[in-house]
Structures are given as C-alpha cells and as structure tokens.
Amino acid sequence: YKHQVDQIILISGDSDFVSASKLARREGIDFILDPLGATIKPALFEHIDGLRSCDKNFYNSTSSKKNKVDISKTNKQI
C-alpha cells in the first residue's frame, strides 16, 4: 500500500484523523485538510501539511455553524 499516493486531502475537521495524518506524514505523503468551516482541534492542526477550502457557497448551503475558521489567518501554507 505504500507510495500509492503523493497527497491526501481530508475533507473533515474531526480530530479522530490525527493517527491517519501522522502515519501519512511519516510515509512522506502530504496531508492536506479542508475542515469544512469547522474549528480545527490543535491535535489535528499539528499534524497536517496544509489547508484548503471548498467554495464558500458550499459552506453557506450546507453548514449552519457560526464558528468558521478563517483559513487565510492560519500559519499553514496553502
């Protein structure tokens, strides 16, 4: 299973994926996160290589959360 992909993009903000992100990075795979506007737990944020964002219209039509992350203000490279 090793080296089948170069990059993983996780579309979730769930901190249950910390182990998966750690393993991917250990194997040299870029681990990118799109938290779908949710707050990112520090444990997960520590183990990602970058952040991406879906279209804002997607967020507005599917999410009623008021606590959205402003990805432009994070320290992670896009």
PDB file of N, CA and C in Angstrom:
ATOM      1  N   TYR A   1       0.814  -1.197   0.000  1.00  0.00           N
ATOM      2  CA  TYR A   1       0.000   0.000   0.000  1.00  0.00           C
ATOM      3  C   TYR A   1       0.853   1.253   0.000  1.00  0.00           C
ATOM      4  N   LYS A   2       2.112   1.123   0.255  1.00  0.00           N
ATOM      5  CA  LYS A   2       2.971   2.301   0.376  1.00  0.00           C
ATOM      6  C   LYS A   2       3.209   2.961  -0.980  1.00  0.00           C
ATOM      7  N   HIS A   3       3.275   4.277  -0.945  1.00  0.00           N
ATOM      8  CA  HIS A   3       3.603   5.112  -2.102  1.00  0.00           C
ATOM      9  C   HIS A   3       2.594   4.993  -3.240  1.00  0.00           C
ATOM     10  N   GLN A   4       1.338   4.764  -2.922  1.00  0.00           N
ATOM     11  CA  GLN A   4       0.311   4.731  -3.951  1.00  0.00           C
ATOM     12  C   GLN A   4      -0.214   6.128  -4.242  1.00  0.00           C
ATOM     13  N   VAL A   5      -0.042   7.046  -3.301  1.00  0.00           N
ATOM     14  CA  VAL A   5      -0.468   8.432  -3.493  1.00  0.00           C
ATOM     15  C   VAL A   5       0.633   9.362  -2.992  1.00  0.00           C
ATOM     16  N   ASP A   6       0.626  10.591  -3.514  1.00  0.00           N
ATOM     17  CA  ASP A   6       1.575  11.605  -3.060  1.00  0.00           C
ATOM     18  C   ASP A   6       0.938  12.567  -2.074  1.00  0.00           C
ATOM     19  N   GLN A   7      -0.391  12.657  -2.134  1.00  0.00           N
ATOM     20  CA  GLN A   7      -1.088  13.636  -1.308  1.00  0.00           C
ATOM     21  C   GLN A   7      -2.465  13.105  -0.928  1.00  0.00           C
ATOM     22  N   ILE A   8      -2.858  13.402   0.313  1.00  0.00           N
ATOM     23  CA  ILE A   8      -4.199  13.077   0.798  1.00  0.00           C
ATOM     24  C   ILE A   8      -4.864  14.389   1.171  1.00  0.00           C
ATOM     25  N   ILE A   9      -6.089  14.577   0.708  1.00  0.00           N
ATOM     26  CA  ILE A   9      -6.870  15.741   1.109  1.00  0.00           C
ATOM     27  C   ILE A   9      -8.053  15.229   1.913  1.00  0.00           C
ATOM     28  N   LEU A  10      -8.047  15.540   3.198  1.00  0.00           N
ATOM     29  CA  LEU A  10      -9.119  15.126   4.102  1.00  0.00           C
ATOM     30  C   LEU A  10     -10.136  16.247   4.188  1.00  0.00           C
ATOM     31  N   ILE A  11     -11.380  15.938   3.906  1.00  0.00           N
ATOM     32  CA  ILE A  11     -12.447  16.927   3.990  1.00  0.00           C
ATOM     33  C   ILE A  11     -13.244  16.615   5.241  1.00  0.00           C
ATOM     34  N   SER A  12     -12.739  17.123   6.362  1.00  0.00           N
ATOM     35  CA  SER A  12     -13.325  16.894   7.684  1.00  0.00           C
ATOM     36  C   SER A  12     -12.512  17.674   8.693  1.00  0.00           C
ATOM     37  N   GLY A  13     -13.104  17.986   9.818  1.00  0.00           N
ATOM     38  CA  GLY A  13     -12.355  18.632  10.881  1.00  0.00           C
ATOM     39  C   GLY A  13     -12.250  17.740  12.099  1.00  0.00           C
ATOM     40  N   ASP A  14     -12.615  16.502  11.929  1.00  0.00           N
ATOM     41  CA  ASP A  14     -12.687  15.558  13.038  1.00  0.00           C
ATOM     42  C   ASP A  14     -11.295  15.175  13.528  1.00  0.00           C
ATOM     43  N   SER A  15     -11.034  15.342  14.807  1.00  0.00           N
ATOM     44  CA  SER A  15      -9.709  15.026  15.352  1.00  0.00           C
ATOM     45  C   SER A  15      -9.464  13.518  15.441  1.00  0.00           C
ATOM     46  N   ASP A  16     -10.450  12.698  15.091  1.00  0.00           N
ATOM     47  CA  ASP A  16     -10.234  11.248  15.044  1.00  0.00           C
ATOM     48  C   ASP A  16      -9.231  10.872  13.955  1.00  0.00           C
ATOM     49  N   PHE A  17      -8.909  11.799  13.075  1.00  0.00           N
ATOM     50  CA  PHE A  17      -7.995  11.524  11.973  1.00  0.00           C
ATOM     51  C   PHE A  17      -6.544  11.870  12.293  1.00  0.00           C
ATOM     52  N   VAL A  18      -6.234  12.183  13.544  1.00  0.00           N
ATOM     53  CA  VAL A  18      -4.863  12.511  13.935  1.00  0.00           C
ATOM     54  C   VAL A  18      -3.925  11.350  13.620  1.00  0.00           C
ATOM     55  N   SER A  19      -4.300  10.144  13.978  1.00  0.00           N
ATOM     56  CA  SER A  19      -3.444   8.976  13.718  1.00  0.00           C
ATOM     57  C   SER A  19      -3.198   8.789  12.227  1.00  0.00           C
ATOM     58  N   ALA A  20      -4.224   8.982  11.430  1.00  0.00           N
ATOM     59  CA  ALA A  20      -4.075   8.838   9.977  1.00  0.00           C
ATOM     60  C   ALA A  20      -3.142   9.900   9.413  1.00  0.00           C
ATOM     61  N   SER A  21      -3.265  11.124   9.908  1.00  0.00           N
ATOM     62  CA  SER A  21      -2.397  12.187   9.401  1.00  0.00           C
ATOM     63  C   SER A  21      -0.944  11.957   9.817  1.00  0.00           C
ATOM     64  N   LYS A  22      -0.732  11.479  11.031  1.00  0.00           N
ATOM     65  CA  LYS A  22       0.631  11.168  11.489  1.00  0.00           C
ATOM     66  C   LYS A  22       1.259  10.085  10.613  1.00  0.00           C
ATOM     67  N   LEU A  23       0.504   9.017  10.348  1.00  0.00           N
ATOM     68  CA  LEU A  23       1.013   7.913   9.538  1.00  0.00           C
ATOM     69  C   LEU A  23       1.331   8.382   8.121  1.00  0.00           C
ATOM     70  N   ALA A  24       0.429   9.139   7.534  1.00  0.00           N
ATOM     71  CA  ALA A  24       0.655   9.630   6.173  1.00  0.00           C
ATOM     72  C   ALA A  24       1.926  10.467   6.102  1.00  0.00           C
ATOM     73  N   ARG A  25       2.104  11.355   7.038  1.00  0.00           N
ATOM     74  CA  ARG A  25       3.287  12.217   7.027  1.00  0.00           C
ATOM     75  C   ARG A  25       4.564  11.419   7.268  1.00  0.00           C
ATOM     76  N   ARG A  26       4.504  10.413   8.134  1.00  0.00           N
ATOM     77  CA  ARG A  26       5.675   9.550   8.348  1.00  0.00           C
ATOM     78  C   ARG A  26       6.075   8.836   7.058  1.00  0.00           C
ATOM     79  N   GLU A  27       5.076   8.524   6.244  1.00  0.00           N
ATOM     80  CA  GLU A  27       5.321   7.826   4.981  1.00  0.00           C
ATOM     81  C   GLU A  27       5.661   8.786   3.844  1.00  0.00           C
ATOM     82  N   GLY A  28       5.772  10.083   4.149  1.00  0.00           N
ATOM     83  CA  GLY A  28       6.153  11.065   3.132  1.00  0.00           C
ATOM     84  C   GLY A  28       5.013  11.563   2.274  1.00  0.00           C
ATOM     85  N   ILE A  29       3.785  11.376   2.719  1.00  0.00           N
ATOM     86  CA  ILE A  29       2.608  11.815   1.977  1.00  0.00           C
ATOM     87  C   ILE A  29       2.155  13.162   2.530  1.00  0.00           C
ATOM     88  N   ASP A  30       1.934  14.132   1.630  1.00  0.00           N
ATOM     89  CA  ASP A  30       1.396  15.425   2.061  1.00  0.00           C
ATOM     90  C   ASP A  30      -0.027  15.218   2.551  1.00  0.00           C
ATOM     91  N   PHE A  31      -0.322  15.752   3.728  1.00  0.00           N
ATOM     92  CA  PHE A  31      -1.651  15.601   4.315  1.00  0.00           C
ATOM     93  C   PHE A  31      -2.295  16.982   4.390  1.00  0.00           C
ATOM     94  N   ILE A  32      -3.287  17.206   3.534  1.00  0.00           N
ATOM     95  CA  ILE A  32      -3.960  18.493   3.412  1.00  0.00           C
ATOM     96  C   ILE A  32      -5.350  18.368   4.027  1.00  0.00           C
ATOM     97  N   LEU A  33      -5.782  19.417   4.707  1.00  0.00           N
ATOM     98  CA  LEU A  33      -7.070  19.399   5.406  1.00  0.00           C
ATOM     99  C   LEU A  33      -7.988  20.494   4.894  1.00  0.00           C
ATOM    100  N   ASP A  34      -9.236  20.143   4.655  1.00  0.00           N
ATOM    101  CA  ASP A  34     -10.308  21.111   4.463  1.00  0.00           C
ATOM    102  C   ASP A  34     -11.292  20.849   5.592  1.00  0.00           C
ATOM    103  N   PRO A  35     -11.318  21.722   6.611  1.00  0.00           N
ATOM    104  CA  PRO A  35     -12.151  21.475   7.788  1.00  0.00           C
ATOM    105  C   PRO A  35     -13.631  21.807   7.601  1.00  0.00           C
ATOM    106  N   LEU A  36     -14.041  22.138   6.375  1.00  0.00           N
ATOM    107  CA  LEU A  36     -15.444  22.468   6.093  1.00  0.00           C
ATOM    108  C   LEU A  36     -15.961  23.588   6.989  1.00  0.00           C
ATOM    109  N   GLY A  37     -15.109  24.536   7.284  1.00  0.00           N
ATOM    110  CA  GLY A  37     -15.524  25.681   8.075  1.00  0.00           C
ATOM    111  C   GLY A  37     -15.543  25.447   9.567  1.00  0.00           C
ATOM    112  N   ALA A  38     -15.219  24.246   9.996  1.00  0.00           N
ATOM    113  CA  ALA A  38     -15.240  23.923  11.427  1.00  0.00           C
ATOM    114  C   ALA A  38     -13.935  24.352  12.093  1.00  0.00           C
ATOM    115  N   THR A  39     -13.979  24.492  13.391  1.00  0.00           N
ATOM    116  CA  THR A  39     -12.784  24.767  14.167  1.00  0.00           C
ATOM    117  C   THR A  39     -11.877  23.543  14.129  1.00  0.00           C
ATOM    118  N   ILE A  40     -10.594  23.776  13.920  1.00  0.00           N
ATOM    119  CA  ILE A  40      -9.630  22.676  13.842  1.00  0.00           C
ATOM    120  C   ILE A  40      -9.038  22.447  15.223  1.00  0.00           C
ATOM    121  N   LYS A  41      -9.124  21.225  15.706  1.00  0.00           N
ATOM    122  CA  LYS A  41      -8.534  20.884  17.005  1.00  0.00           C
ATOM    123  C   LYS A  41      -7.015  20.996  16.902  1.00  0.00           C
ATOM    124  N   PRO A  42      -6.355  21.530  17.933  1.00  0.00           N
ATOM    125  CA  PRO A  42      -4.893  21.671  17.902  1.00  0.00           C
ATOM    126  C   PRO A  42      -4.161  20.357  17.626  1.00  0.00           C
ATOM    127  N   ALA A  43      -4.675  19.250  18.139  1.00  0.00           N
ATOM    128  CA  ALA A  43      -4.029  17.949  17.923  1.00  0.00           C
ATOM    129  C   ALA A  43      -3.995  17.586  16.438  1.00  0.00           C
ATOM    130  N   LEU A  44      -5.040  17.945  15.698  1.00  0.00           N
ATOM    131  CA  LEU A  44      -5.070  17.668  14.263  1.00  0.00           C
ATOM    132  C   LEU A  44      -4.255  18.704  13.502  1.00  0.00           C
ATOM    133  N   PHE A  45      -4.381  19.956  13.878  1.00  0.00           N
ATOM    134  CA  PHE A  45      -3.670  21.039  13.195  1.00  0.00           C
ATOM    135  C   PHE A  45      -2.161  20.808  13.207  1.00  0.00           C
ATOM    136  N   GLU A  46      -1.674  20.243  14.283  1.00  0.00           N
ATOM    137  CA  GLU A  46      -0.238  19.983  14.440  1.00  0.00           C
ATOM    138  C   GLU A  46       0.286  18.973  13.422  1.00  0.00           C
ATOM    139  N   HIS A  47      -0.574  18.130  12.900  1.00  0.00           N
ATOM    140  CA  HIS A  47      -0.131  17.022  12.051  1.00  0.00           C
ATOM    141  C   HIS A  47      -0.611  17.119  10.608  1.00  0.00           C
ATOM    142  N   ILE A  48      -0.846  18.330  10.127  1.00  0.00           N
ATOM    143  CA  ILE A  48      -1.214  18.499   8.721  1.00  0.00           C
ATOM    144  C   ILE A  48      -0.131  19.307   8.019  1.00  0.00           C
ATOM    145  N   ASP A  49      -0.079  19.174   6.699  1.00  0.00           N
ATOM    146  CA  ASP A  49       0.910  19.907   5.907  1.00  0.00           C
ATOM    147  C   ASP A  49       0.345  21.182   5.307  1.00  0.00           C
ATOM    148  N   GLY A  50      -0.967  21.295   5.231  1.00  0.00           N
ATOM    149  CA  GLY A  50      -1.563  22.482   4.640  1.00  0.00           C
ATOM    150  C   GLY A  50      -3.068  22.472   4.768  1.00  0.00           C
ATOM    151  N   LEU A  51      -3.663  23.597   4.396  1.00  0.00           N
ATOM    152  CA  LEU A  51      -5.115  23.757   4.450  1.00  0.00           C
ATOM    153  C   LEU A  51      -5.639  24.135   3.075  1.00  0.00           C
ATOM    154  N   ARG A  52      -6.791  23.640   2.748  1.00  0.00           N
ATOM    155  CA  ARG A  52      -7.512  24.009   1.534  1.00  0.00           C
ATOM    156  C   ARG A  52      -8.934  24.356   1.948  1.00  0.00           C
ATOM    157  N   SER A  53      -9.633  25.016   1.052  1.00  0.00           N
ATOM    158  CA  SER A  53     -11.001  25.396   1.360  1.00  0.00           C
ATOM    159  C   SER A  53     -11.898  25.156   0.159  1.00  0.00           C
ATOM    160  N   CYS A  54     -13.051  24.547   0.406  1.00  0.00           N
ATOM    161  CA  CYS A  54     -14.061  24.424  -0.642  1.00  0.00           C
ATOM    162  C   CYS A  54     -14.643  25.799  -0.919  1.00  0.00           C
ATOM    163  N   ASP A  55     -15.397  25.894  -1.940  1.00  0.00           N
ATOM    164  CA  ASP A  55     -16.068  27.128  -2.304  1.00  0.00           C
ATOM    165  C   ASP A  55     -16.937  27.625  -1.153  1.00  0.00           C
ATOM    166  N   LYS A  56     -16.927  28.926  -0.892  1.00  0.00           N
ATOM    167  CA  LYS A  56     -17.714  29.488   0.211  1.00  0.00           C
ATOM    168  C   LYS A  56     -19.208  29.258   0.018  1.00  0.00           C
ATOM    169  N   ASN A  57     -19.677  29.176  -1.220  1.00  0.00           N
ATOM    170  CA  ASN A  57     -21.091  28.887  -1.461  1.00  0.00           C
ATOM    171  C   ASN A  57     -21.456  27.502  -0.947  1.00  0.00           C
ATOM    172  N   PHE A  58     -20.503  26.564  -1.016  1.00  0.00           N
ATOM    173  CA  PHE A  58     -20.724  25.230  -0.475  1.00  0.00           C
ATOM    174  C   PHE A  58     -20.963  25.313   1.026  1.00  0.00           C
ATOM    175  N   TYR A  59     -20.125  26.088   1.726  1.00  0.00           N
ATOM    176  CA  TYR A  59     -20.291  26.240   3.170  1.00  0.00           C
ATOM    177  C   TYR A  59     -21.647  26.852   3.499  1.00  0.00           C
ATOM    178  N   ASN A  60     -22.014  27.891   2.774  1.00  0.00           N
ATOM    179  CA  ASN A  60     -23.258  28.595   3.068  1.00  0.00           C
ATOM    180  C   ASN A  60     -24.483  27.721   2.841  1.00  0.00           C
ATOM    181  N   SER A  61     -24.401  26.803   1.891  1.00  0.00           N
ATOM    182  CA  SER A  61     -25.569  25.982   1.594  1.00  0.00           C
ATOM    183  C   SER A  61     -25.653  24.714   2.436  1.00  0.00           C
ATOM    184  N   THR A  62     -24.545  24.298   3.057  1.00  0.00           N
ATOM    185  CA  THR A  62     -24.567  23.027   3.774  1.00  0.00           C
ATOM    186  C   THR A  62     -24.299  23.133   5.263  1.00  0.00           C
ATOM    187  N   SER A  63     -23.875  24.281   5.737  1.00  0.00           N
ATOM    188  CA  SER A  63     -23.483  24.383   7.142  1.00  0.00           C
ATOM    189  C   SER A  63     -24.165  25.560   7.811  1.00  0.00           C
ATOM    190  N   SER A  64     -24.628  25.329   9.040  1.00  0.00           N
ATOM    191  CA  SER A  64     -25.216  26.421   9.808  1.00  0.00           C
ATOM    192  C   SER A  64     -24.310  26.828  10.955  1.00  0.00           C
ATOM    193  N   LYS A  65     -23.075  26.300  10.981  1.00  0.00           N
ATOM    194  CA  LYS A  65     -22.152  26.613  12.069  1.00  0.00           C
ATOM    195  C   LYS A  65     -21.721  28.071  11.989  1.00  0.00           C
ATOM    196  N   LYS A  66     -21.640  28.708  13.128  1.00  0.00           N
ATOM    197  CA  LYS A  66     -21.205  30.095  13.185  1.00  0.00           C
ATOM    198  C   LYS A  66     -19.710  30.200  13.442  1.00  0.00           C
ATOM    199  N   ASN A  67     -19.079  29.144  13.888  1.00  0.00           N
ATOM    200  CA  ASN A  67     -17.663  29.143  14.275  1.00  0.00           C
ATOM    201  C   ASN A  67     -16.789  28.680  13.120  1.00  0.00           C
ATOM    202  N   LYS A  68     -16.696  29.458  12.074  1.00  0.00           N
ATOM    203  CA  LYS A  68     -15.920  29.046  10.916  1.00  0.00           C
ATOM    204  C   LYS A  68     -14.474  29.485  11.052  1.00  0.00           C
ATOM    205  N   VAL A  69     -13.574  28.706  10.485  1.00  0.00           N
ATOM    206  CA  VAL A  69     -12.147  29.014  10.509  1.00  0.00           C
ATOM    207  C   VAL A  69     -11.836  29.951   9.355  1.00  0.00           C
ATOM    208  N   ASP A  70     -11.103  31.028   9.632  1.00  0.00           N
ATOM    209  CA  ASP A  70     -10.607  31.878   8.560  1.00  0.00           C
ATOM    210  C   ASP A  70      -9.254  31.314   8.156  1.00  0.00           C
ATOM    211  N   ILE A  71      -9.251  30.511   7.116  1.00  0.00           N
ATOM    212  CA  ILE A  71      -8.050  29.800   6.710  1.00  0.00           C
ATOM    213  C   ILE A  71      -6.942  30.765   6.321  1.00  0.00           C
ATOM    214  N   SER A  72      -7.282  31.944   5.849  1.00  0.00           N
ATOM    215  CA  SER A  72      -6.258  32.899   5.440  1.00  0.00           C
ATOM    216  C   SER A  72      -5.428  33.395   6.611  1.00  0.00           C
ATOM    217  N   LYS A  73      -5.897  33.199   7.842  1.00  0.00           N
ATOM    218  CA  LYS A  73      -5.176  33.684   9.013  1.00  0.00           C
ATOM    219  C   LYS A  73      -4.424  32.584   9.750  1.00  0.00           C
ATOM    220  N   THR A  74      -4.319  31.409   9.148  1.00  0.00           N
ATOM    221  CA  THR A  74      -3.581  30.322   9.793  1.00  0.00           C
ATOM    222  C   THR A  74      -2.121  30.372   9.396  1.00  0.00           C
ATOM    223  N   ASN A  75      -1.287  29.631  10.103  1.00  0.00           N
ATOM    224  CA  ASN A  75       0.139  29.580   9.810  1.00  0.00           C
ATOM    225  C   ASN A  75       0.493  28.511   8.797  1.00  0.00           C
ATOM    226  N   LYS A  76      -0.466  27.708   8.389  1.00  0.00           N
ATOM    227  CA  LYS A  76      -0.177  26.623   7.458  1.00  0.00           C
ATOM    228  C   LYS A  76      -0.117  27.157   6.031  1.00  0.00           C
ATOM    229  N   GLN A  77       0.822  26.640   5.252  1.00  0.00           N
ATOM    230  CA  GLN A  77       0.972  27.012   3.850  1.00  0.00           C
ATOM    231  C   GLN A  77      -0.143  26.384   3.036  1.00  0.00           C
ATOM    232  N   ILE A  78      -0.618  27.101   2.052  1.00  0.00           N
ATOM    233  CA  ILE A  78      -1.643  26.549   1.164  1.00  0.00           C
ATOM    234  C   ILE A  78      -0.988  26.140  -0.132  1.00  0.00           C
TER     235      ILE A  78
END
